[in-house]
């Protein structure tokens, strides 16, 4: 994936906006996502969200739900309908794709198709290294690590790795999980190999055990 800036991108960027106070940005999950997909975003940023959501639709809906919950501060009730308006993982990804399509329709000149996601690469050559880091994150629940491995196999190592970082960050924030300097160095090395911006892996730097 071509990196448009130094920070996270795609679905994992949007997931980071679904913190404990996410509902302040809209009465429903759709409205909150639409708030963050504002018209001043670069087209590549919107296309990256759409690209990731389409990849996740290769997975069972329950797997999508587990990965979303592991990487956000939302709760299982997020997928129960009700105030969020979200009934399943697949429906939520379809909603995000529709929002991205609407954004592109509003912000693309007549007669000009939306640009492709530039430089797209899934990091397939790094699959074994990403799978090893999924296994190494022991503080992430076993079932989530299994779902991340499925994401790696059926989506891309790049998306699986970014979802792993989201799950790690949530574990660090909610449960005080920590990583060793050596562990963090491996994550940084993988981020560099995937051509991530400076602050993608940096999002879990707060978890490094300084003892």
C-alpha atoms as a PDB file:
ATOM      1  CA  UNK A   1       0.000   0.000   0.000  1.00  0.00           C
ATOM      2  CA  UNK A   2       1.340   3.413  -0.918  1.00  0.00           C
ATOM      3  CA  UNK A   3       1.735   5.511   2.246  1.00  0.00           C
ATOM      4  CA  UNK A   4       0.090   8.886   1.858  1.00  0.00           C
ATOM      5  CA  UNK A   5       1.440  10.270   5.147  1.00  0.00           C
ATOM      6  CA  UNK A   6       3.291   9.271   8.292  1.00  0.00           C
ATOM      7  CA  UNK A   7       0.269   7.984  10.195  1.00  0.00           C
ATOM      8  CA  UNK A   8      -2.028   4.974  10.072  1.00  0.00           C
ATOM      9  CA  UNK A   9      -4.322   4.582   7.088  1.00  0.00           C
ATOM     10  CA  UNK A  10      -7.218   2.559   5.769  1.00  0.00           C
ATOM     11  CA  UNK A  11      -9.654   0.736   8.000  1.00  0.00           C
ATOM     12  CA  UNK A  12      -7.237   0.647  10.932  1.00  0.00           C
ATOM     13  CA  UNK A  13      -7.047   4.445  10.874  1.00  0.00           C
ATOM     14  CA  UNK A  14     -10.842   4.590  11.040  1.00  0.00           C
ATOM     15  CA  UNK A  15     -10.870   2.007  13.826  1.00  0.00           C
ATOM     16  CA  UNK A  16      -8.615   4.244  15.916  1.00  0.00           C
ATOM     17  CA  UNK A  17     -11.365   6.882  15.820  1.00  0.00           C
ATOM     18  CA  UNK A  18     -13.785   4.472  17.510  1.00  0.00           C
ATOM     19  CA  UNK A  19     -12.473   5.131  21.006  1.00  0.00           C
ATOM     20  CA  UNK A  20     -14.599   5.253  24.156  1.00  0.00           C
ATOM     21  CA  UNK A  21     -16.103   8.603  23.156  1.00  0.00           C
ATOM     22  CA  UNK A  22     -16.763   7.713  19.529  1.00  0.00           C
ATOM     23  CA  UNK A  23     -20.506   8.364  19.812  1.00  0.00           C
ATOM     24  CA  UNK A  24     -19.807  12.065  20.394  1.00  0.00           C
ATOM     25  CA  UNK A  25     -19.191  12.251  16.642  1.00  0.00           C
ATOM     26  CA  UNK A  26     -22.567  10.888  15.613  1.00  0.00           C
ATOM     27  CA  UNK A  27     -25.702   9.221  16.973  1.00  0.00           C
ATOM     28  CA  UNK A  28     -25.039   6.047  14.959  1.00  0.00           C
ATOM     29  CA  UNK A  29     -21.898   4.225  13.857  1.00  0.00           C
ATOM     30  CA  UNK A  30     -22.598   5.231  10.257  1.00  0.00           C
ATOM     31  CA  UNK A  31     -22.870   8.889  11.218  1.00  0.00           C
ATOM     32  CA  UNK A  32     -19.637   8.703  13.229  1.00  0.00           C
ATOM     33  CA  UNK A  33     -17.785   7.114  10.300  1.00  0.00           C
ATOM     34  CA  UNK A  34     -19.213   9.734   7.941  1.00  0.00           C
ATOM     35  CA  UNK A  35     -17.944  12.439  10.311  1.00  0.00           C
ATOM     36  CA  UNK A  36     -14.390  11.140   9.906  1.00  0.00           C
ATOM     37  CA  UNK A  37     -14.752  10.669   6.142  1.00  0.00           C
ATOM     38  CA  UNK A  38     -14.987  14.405   5.661  1.00  0.00           C
ATOM     39  CA  UNK A  39     -14.709  16.005   2.251  1.00  0.00           C
ATOM     40  CA  UNK A  40     -11.213  17.436   2.792  1.00  0.00           C
ATOM     41  CA  UNK A  41      -9.599  13.998   2.999  1.00  0.00           C
ATOM     42  CA  UNK A  42      -7.304  12.966   0.164  1.00  0.00           C
ATOM     43  CA  UNK A  43      -8.954  10.497  -2.234  1.00  0.00           C
ATOM     44  CA  UNK A  44      -6.217   7.977  -1.470  1.00  0.00           C
ATOM     45  CA  UNK A  45      -7.193   7.975   2.207  1.00  0.00           C
ATOM     46  CA  UNK A  46     -10.801   7.137   1.350  1.00  0.00           C
ATOM     47  CA  UNK A  47      -9.772   4.507  -1.182  1.00  0.00           C
ATOM     48  CA  UNK A  48      -7.570   2.869   1.447  1.00  0.00           C
ATOM     49  CA  UNK A  49     -10.552   2.477   3.805  1.00  0.00           C
ATOM     50  CA  UNK A  50     -12.620   1.047   0.962  1.00  0.00           C
ATOM     51  CA  UNK A  51      -9.827  -1.323  -0.070  1.00  0.00           C
ATOM     52  CA  UNK A  52      -9.463  -2.726   3.465  1.00  0.00           C
ATOM     53  CA  UNK A  53     -13.216  -3.108   3.955  1.00  0.00           C
ATOM     54  CA  UNK A  54     -13.505  -5.051   0.700  1.00  0.00           C
ATOM     55  CA  UNK A  55     -10.663  -7.324   1.792  1.00  0.00           C
ATOM     56  CA  UNK A  56     -12.335  -8.054   5.133  1.00  0.00           C
ATOM     57  CA  UNK A  57     -15.496  -9.146   3.343  1.00  0.00           C
ATOM     58  CA  UNK A  58     -13.548 -12.267   2.355  1.00  0.00           C
ATOM     59  CA  UNK A  59     -13.901 -13.359   6.002  1.00  0.00           C
ATOM     60  CA  UNK A  60     -16.959 -14.655   7.878  1.00  0.00           C
ATOM     61  CA  UNK A  61     -19.042 -11.910   9.418  1.00  0.00           C
ATOM     62  CA  UNK A  62     -18.306 -13.127  12.947  1.00  0.00           C
ATOM     63  CA  UNK A  63     -14.568 -12.933  12.266  1.00  0.00           C
ATOM     64  CA  UNK A  64     -14.924  -9.351  11.054  1.00  0.00           C
ATOM     65  CA  UNK A  65     -16.812  -8.544  14.245  1.00  0.00           C
ATOM     66  CA  UNK A  66     -14.117 -10.066  16.454  1.00  0.00           C
ATOM     67  CA  UNK A  67     -11.342  -8.146  14.693  1.00  0.00           C
ATOM     68  CA  UNK A  68     -13.267  -4.870  14.900  1.00  0.00           C
ATOM     69  CA  UNK A  69     -13.982  -5.328  18.611  1.00  0.00           C
ATOM     70  CA  UNK A  70     -10.355  -6.301  19.342  1.00  0.00           C
ATOM     71  CA  UNK A  71      -9.042  -3.153  17.668  1.00  0.00           C
ATOM     72  CA  UNK A  72     -11.504  -0.565  18.975  1.00  0.00           C
ATOM     73  CA  UNK A  73     -12.980   0.556  22.281  1.00  0.00           C
ATOM     74  CA  UNK A  74     -16.454  -0.542  21.196  1.00  0.00           C
ATOM     75  CA  UNK A  75     -18.290  -3.362  22.936  1.00  0.00           C
ATOM     76  CA  UNK A  76     -20.116  -6.469  21.603  1.00  0.00           C
ATOM     77  CA  UNK A  77     -23.354  -4.475  21.672  1.00  0.00           C
ATOM     78  CA  UNK A  78     -21.900  -2.510  18.734  1.00  0.00           C
ATOM     79  CA  UNK A  79     -23.154  -5.310  16.458  1.00  0.00           C
ATOM     80  CA  UNK A  80     -26.549  -5.735  18.092  1.00  0.00           C
ATOM     81  CA  UNK A  81     -28.335  -3.122  16.024  1.00  0.00           C
ATOM     82  CA  UNK A  82     -30.010  -0.732  18.415  1.00  0.00           C
ATOM     83  CA  UNK A  83     -28.401   2.713  18.749  1.00  0.00           C
ATOM     84  CA  UNK A  84     -25.372   1.874  16.587  1.00  0.00           C
ATOM     85  CA  UNK A  85     -27.441   0.709  13.626  1.00  0.00           C
ATOM     86  CA  UNK A  86     -24.918  -2.073  12.965  1.00  0.00           C
ATOM     87  CA  UNK A  87     -26.225  -5.642  12.785  1.00  0.00           C
ATOM     88  CA  UNK A  88     -23.187  -7.640  11.627  1.00  0.00           C
ATOM     89  CA  UNK A  89     -19.561  -7.380  10.617  1.00  0.00           C
ATOM     90  CA  UNK A  90     -20.354  -7.878   6.945  1.00  0.00           C
ATOM     91  CA  UNK A  91     -23.115  -5.266   7.032  1.00  0.00           C
ATOM     92  CA  UNK A  92     -20.720  -2.799   8.688  1.00  0.00           C
ATOM     93  CA  UNK A  93     -18.053  -3.286   6.010  1.00  0.00           C
ATOM     94  CA  UNK A  94     -20.712  -2.848   3.315  1.00  0.00           C
ATOM     95  CA  UNK A  95     -21.822   0.353   5.027  1.00  0.00           C
ATOM     96  CA  UNK A  96     -18.262   1.697   5.045  1.00  0.00           C
ATOM     97  CA  UNK A  97     -17.815   0.828   1.367  1.00  0.00           C
ATOM     98  CA  UNK A  98     -21.047   2.660   0.561  1.00  0.00           C
ATOM     99  CA  UNK A  99     -19.848   5.716   2.500  1.00  0.00           C
ATOM    100  CA  UNK A 100     -16.549   5.675   0.610  1.00  0.00           C
ATOM    101  CA  UNK A 101     -18.379   5.336  -2.710  1.00  0.00           C
ATOM    102  CA  UNK A 102     -20.592   8.294  -1.818  1.00  0.00           C
ATOM    103  CA  UNK A 103     -17.498  10.330  -0.892  1.00  0.00           C
ATOM    104  CA  UNK A 104     -15.851   9.494  -4.213  1.00  0.00           C
ATOM    105  CA  UNK A 105     -19.020  10.393  -6.108  1.00  0.00           C
ATOM    106  CA  UNK A 106     -19.126  13.788  -4.395  1.00  0.00           C
ATOM    107  CA  UNK A 107     -15.454  14.543  -4.810  1.00  0.00           C
ATOM    108  CA  UNK A 108     -14.634  13.191  -8.265  1.00  0.00           C
ATOM    109  CA  UNK A 109     -15.049  15.382 -11.336  1.00  0.00           C
ATOM    110  CA  UNK A 110     -17.734  14.392 -13.849  1.00  0.00           C
ATOM    111  CA  UNK A 111     -16.386  11.977 -16.395  1.00  0.00           C
ATOM    112  CA  UNK A 112     -13.265  11.202 -14.385  1.00  0.00           C
ATOM    113  CA  UNK A 113     -13.144   7.918 -12.542  1.00  0.00           C
ATOM    114  CA  UNK A 114     -11.689   7.726  -9.040  1.00  0.00           C
ATOM    115  CA  UNK A 115      -7.953   7.079  -8.916  1.00  0.00           C
ATOM    116  CA  UNK A 116      -6.748   3.623  -8.064  1.00  0.00           C
ATOM    117  CA  UNK A 117      -5.167   2.946  -4.703  1.00  0.00           C
ATOM    118  CA  UNK A 118      -1.577   3.754  -5.672  1.00  0.00           C
ATOM    119  CA  UNK A 119       1.222   1.275  -5.178  1.00  0.00           C
ATOM    120  CA  UNK A 120      -0.993  -1.354  -3.623  1.00  0.00           C
ATOM    121  CA  UNK A 121       0.912  -4.286  -2.171  1.00  0.00           C
ATOM    122  CA  UNK A 122      -0.242  -6.757   0.418  1.00  0.00           C
ATOM    123  CA  UNK A 123       3.185  -7.672   1.764  1.00  0.00           C
ATOM    124  CA  UNK A 124       2.821 -11.323   0.733  1.00  0.00           C
ATOM    125  CA  UNK A 125       6.571 -11.871   0.992  1.00  0.00           C
ATOM    126  CA  UNK A 126       6.321 -10.991   4.697  1.00  0.00           C
ATOM    127  CA  UNK A 127       3.532 -13.435   5.527  1.00  0.00           C
ATOM    128  CA  UNK A 128       5.682 -15.721   7.685  1.00  0.00           C
ATOM    129  CA  UNK A 129       7.137 -12.799   9.640  1.00  0.00           C
ATOM    130  CA  UNK A 130       3.679 -11.313  10.275  1.00  0.00           C
ATOM    131  CA  UNK A 131       2.324 -14.707  11.326  1.00  0.00           C
ATOM    132  CA  UNK A 132       5.211 -15.039  13.803  1.00  0.00           C
ATOM    133  CA  UNK A 133       4.339 -11.662  15.358  1.00  0.00           C
ATOM    134  CA  UNK A 134       0.684 -12.644  15.646  1.00  0.00           C
ATOM    135  CA  UNK A 135       1.801 -15.745  17.550  1.00  0.00           C
ATOM    136  CA  UNK A 136       4.183 -13.688  19.715  1.00  0.00           C
ATOM    137  CA  UNK A 137       1.461 -11.300  20.953  1.00  0.00           C
ATOM    138  CA  UNK A 138       0.417 -13.643  23.762  1.00  0.00           C
ATOM    139  CA  UNK A 139      -1.568 -10.977  25.601  1.00  0.00           C
ATOM    140  CA  UNK A 140      -3.982 -10.783  22.648  1.00  0.00           C
ATOM    141  CA  UNK A 141      -6.732 -13.409  23.205  1.00  0.00           C
ATOM    142  CA  UNK A 142      -6.145 -16.728  21.455  1.00  0.00           C
ATOM    143  CA  UNK A 143      -9.328 -16.473  19.407  1.00  0.00           C
ATOM    144  CA  UNK A 144      -8.351 -13.026  18.136  1.00  0.00           C
ATOM    145  CA  UNK A 145      -4.911 -14.280  17.144  1.00  0.00           C
ATOM    146  CA  UNK A 146      -6.599 -17.101  15.237  1.00  0.00           C
ATOM    147  CA  UNK A 147      -8.794 -14.556  13.472  1.00  0.00           C
ATOM    148  CA  UNK A 148      -5.743 -12.444  12.632  1.00  0.00           C
ATOM    149  CA  UNK A 149      -4.084 -15.508  11.117  1.00  0.00           C
ATOM    150  CA  UNK A 150      -7.203 -16.075   9.006  1.00  0.00           C
ATOM    151  CA  UNK A 151      -7.062 -12.444   7.903  1.00  0.00           C
ATOM    152  CA  UNK A 152      -3.452 -12.941   6.859  1.00  0.00           C
ATOM    153  CA  UNK A 153      -4.339 -16.029   4.813  1.00  0.00           C
ATOM    154  CA  UNK A 154      -7.484 -14.715   3.142  1.00  0.00           C
ATOM    155  CA  UNK A 155      -6.839 -10.956   2.994  1.00  0.00           C
ATOM    156  CA  UNK A 156      -3.244  -9.661   3.129  1.00  0.00           C
ATOM    157  CA  UNK A 157      -0.336  -9.732   5.589  1.00  0.00           C
ATOM    158  CA  UNK A 158      -0.374  -5.919   5.521  1.00  0.00           C
ATOM    159  CA  UNK A 159      -3.972  -5.699   6.747  1.00  0.00           C
ATOM    160  CA  UNK A 160      -3.429  -8.481   9.292  1.00  0.00           C
ATOM    161  CA  UNK A 161      -0.374  -6.689  10.691  1.00  0.00           C
ATOM    162  CA  UNK A 162      -2.170  -3.356  11.031  1.00  0.00           C
ATOM    163  CA  UNK A 163      -5.093  -5.110  12.728  1.00  0.00           C
ATOM    164  CA  UNK A 164      -2.598  -6.793  15.055  1.00  0.00           C
ATOM    165  CA  UNK A 165      -1.180  -3.385  15.995  1.00  0.00           C
ATOM    166  CA  UNK A 166      -4.712  -2.141  16.720  1.00  0.00           C
ATOM    167  CA  UNK A 167      -5.447  -5.172  18.921  1.00  0.00           C
ATOM    168  CA  UNK A 168      -2.126  -4.699  20.738  1.00  0.00           C
ATOM    169  CA  UNK A 169      -2.811  -1.014  21.345  1.00  0.00           C
ATOM    170  CA  UNK A 170      -6.242  -1.778  22.796  1.00  0.00           C
ATOM    171  CA  UNK A 171      -4.734  -4.462  25.046  1.00  0.00           C
ATOM    172  CA  UNK A 172      -2.100  -1.999  26.213  1.00  0.00           C
ATOM    173  CA  UNK A 173      -4.658   0.695  26.937  1.00  0.00           C
ATOM    174  CA  UNK A 174      -7.298  -1.484  28.556  1.00  0.00           C
ATOM    175  CA  UNK A 175      -5.253  -4.173  30.276  1.00  0.00           C
ATOM    176  CA  UNK A 176      -1.779  -2.721  30.741  1.00  0.00           C
ATOM    177  CA  UNK A 177      -0.126  -5.233  28.406  1.00  0.00           C
ATOM    178  CA  UNK A 178       3.537  -4.571  27.649  1.00  0.00           C
ATOM    179  CA  UNK A 179       6.105  -5.568  25.039  1.00  0.00           C
ATOM    180  CA  UNK A 180       9.851  -5.909  25.364  1.00  0.00           C
ATOM    181  CA  UNK A 181      12.219  -3.559  23.513  1.00  0.00           C
ATOM    182  CA  UNK A 182      13.262  -6.522  21.365  1.00  0.00           C
ATOM    183  CA  UNK A 183       9.627  -7.255  20.484  1.00  0.00           C
ATOM    184  CA  UNK A 184       9.020  -3.645  19.550  1.00  0.00           C
ATOM    185  CA  UNK A 185      12.163  -3.594  17.420  1.00  0.00           C
ATOM    186  CA  UNK A 186      10.789  -6.526  15.396  1.00  0.00           C
ATOM    187  CA  UNK A 187       7.518  -4.676  14.880  1.00  0.00           C
ATOM    188  CA  UNK A 188       9.412  -1.612  13.697  1.00  0.00           C
ATOM    189  CA  UNK A 189      11.416  -3.729  11.281  1.00  0.00           C
ATOM    190  CA  UNK A 190       8.223  -5.160   9.808  1.00  0.00           C
ATOM    191  CA  UNK A 191       6.678  -1.707   9.553  1.00  0.00           C
ATOM    192  CA  UNK A 192       9.737  -0.505   7.677  1.00  0.00           C
ATOM    193  CA  UNK A 193       9.574  -3.478   5.310  1.00  0.00           C
ATOM    194  CA  UNK A 194       5.914  -2.605   4.620  1.00  0.00           C
ATOM    195  CA  UNK A 195       6.916   1.032   3.959  1.00  0.00           C
ATOM    196  CA  UNK A 196       4.740   2.383   6.755  1.00  0.00           C
ATOM    197  CA  UNK A 197       4.984   5.969   7.875  1.00  0.00           C
ATOM    198  CA  UNK A 198       6.825   6.809  11.082  1.00  0.00           C
ATOM    199  CA  UNK A 199       3.809   6.763  13.367  1.00  0.00           C
ATOM    200  CA  UNK A 200       2.058   3.527  12.372  1.00  0.00           C
ATOM    201  CA  UNK A 201       4.036   1.093  14.534  1.00  0.00           C
ATOM    202  CA  UNK A 202       4.758   4.002  16.904  1.00  0.00           C
ATOM    203  CA  UNK A 203       1.139   3.702  18.059  1.00  0.00           C
ATOM    204  CA  UNK A 204       2.177   0.781  20.307  1.00  0.00           C
ATOM    205  CA  UNK A 205       5.455   2.313  21.500  1.00  0.00           C
ATOM    206  CA  UNK A 206       3.792   3.286  24.786  1.00  0.00           C
ATOM    207  CA  UNK A 207       3.654  -0.442  25.596  1.00  0.00           C
ATOM    208  CA  UNK A 208       7.426  -0.930  25.620  1.00  0.00           C
ATOM    209  CA  UNK A 209       8.554  -2.215  29.002  1.00  0.00           C
ATOM    210  CA  UNK A 210      11.172   0.221  30.282  1.00  0.00           C
ATOM    211  CA  UNK A 211      12.088  -1.998  33.252  1.00  0.00           C
END
